[in-house]
Amino acid sequence: MRLISGQAIYVMWLRDVKRFTRARSRLIGNIVQPFFFLAILGFGLSSAAFPGIPSGFQFVDFLTPGIVAMAVLFSSIFAGVSVLWDKQFGFLQEVLVAPVSRLSIVLGRTLGGATTALIQGFIILGIASALSVRLKPFGLLLGIVFMVLIAFTAVGFGLIVASQMEDFHGFQLIMNLLVFPLFFTSSAVYPLEGLPAWLRTIAYLNPLTYGVDGLRESLIGFSSIPIEIDLAVLIGVCAVMLTVGSYLFGRSEA
């Protein structure tokens, strides 16, 4: 019986982090897009009035947690691309025959993808602070909890899809088809209170809504859903995604 290996988890984590830090184009690309969303949408719609945004808050304040979630989501979910890349070049075959449990491999990949996503989330928060976005002084600790849960959920979902595919170009197309609707039907860009009833129903069925809403309460101090519900829903979805992702990855063959 193969046991969970801390060394294997560390090696897989370190591999993903090193690959991320050395791929500067990936880092820049994953930061520039959220930055333009924050700067152009946030300040371009600053004079617009949205129901659900309390007085005293600018639209850019409301938008910032959504853009942070966007950076974390996009970076985490595309961590699944590395699984397909490893399949193509045989690295996954070598890993799967190693005398360590596949759960160790999944944990290492999950932690690696989540770490790189959190780095990008912190960079966006730094940019937001430079743009004078109002952030709660001590809200970052709870915000980190929601960022970690979003990252783990997205990595698990990426593993679910990637473990069932062979072509990483097709994976990218499918992920774009799924990720953008998830983002735009959450409360990342528009308050839930201003949405039509049918779209609000979709938003409540979207797990990312609870991550963004909890992150918004943590970082700037208001939300549309009680934070206890945000946290409970996100923890439940995260557990399901990681469990299914681990199971399907364990059955995958290079």
Foldseek 3Di string as FASTA:
>chain_A
DAEQDPVLLQVLLVVLQVVLVVPVVVLCVLQVVLVCCLVCLQVVCQVPDAPPDDPPATLSLLQLLLSLLVSLLVQLLCLLLVVLVCVVVVVLQVVLPDRHDLVSNLNSSLNNSLVSSVVSSVVSVVVCVVVVRDWDPPLVVQLVVLSSLSNLLSNLQSLLVSLVDNDSVVSVVVCVVPVVVLSVLAPNNGALVRDPPVSSVVRVVRLVNLSSQLSSCSIHNDGDDPNVVSVVSSVVSSVVSSVSSSVSNNPGHD
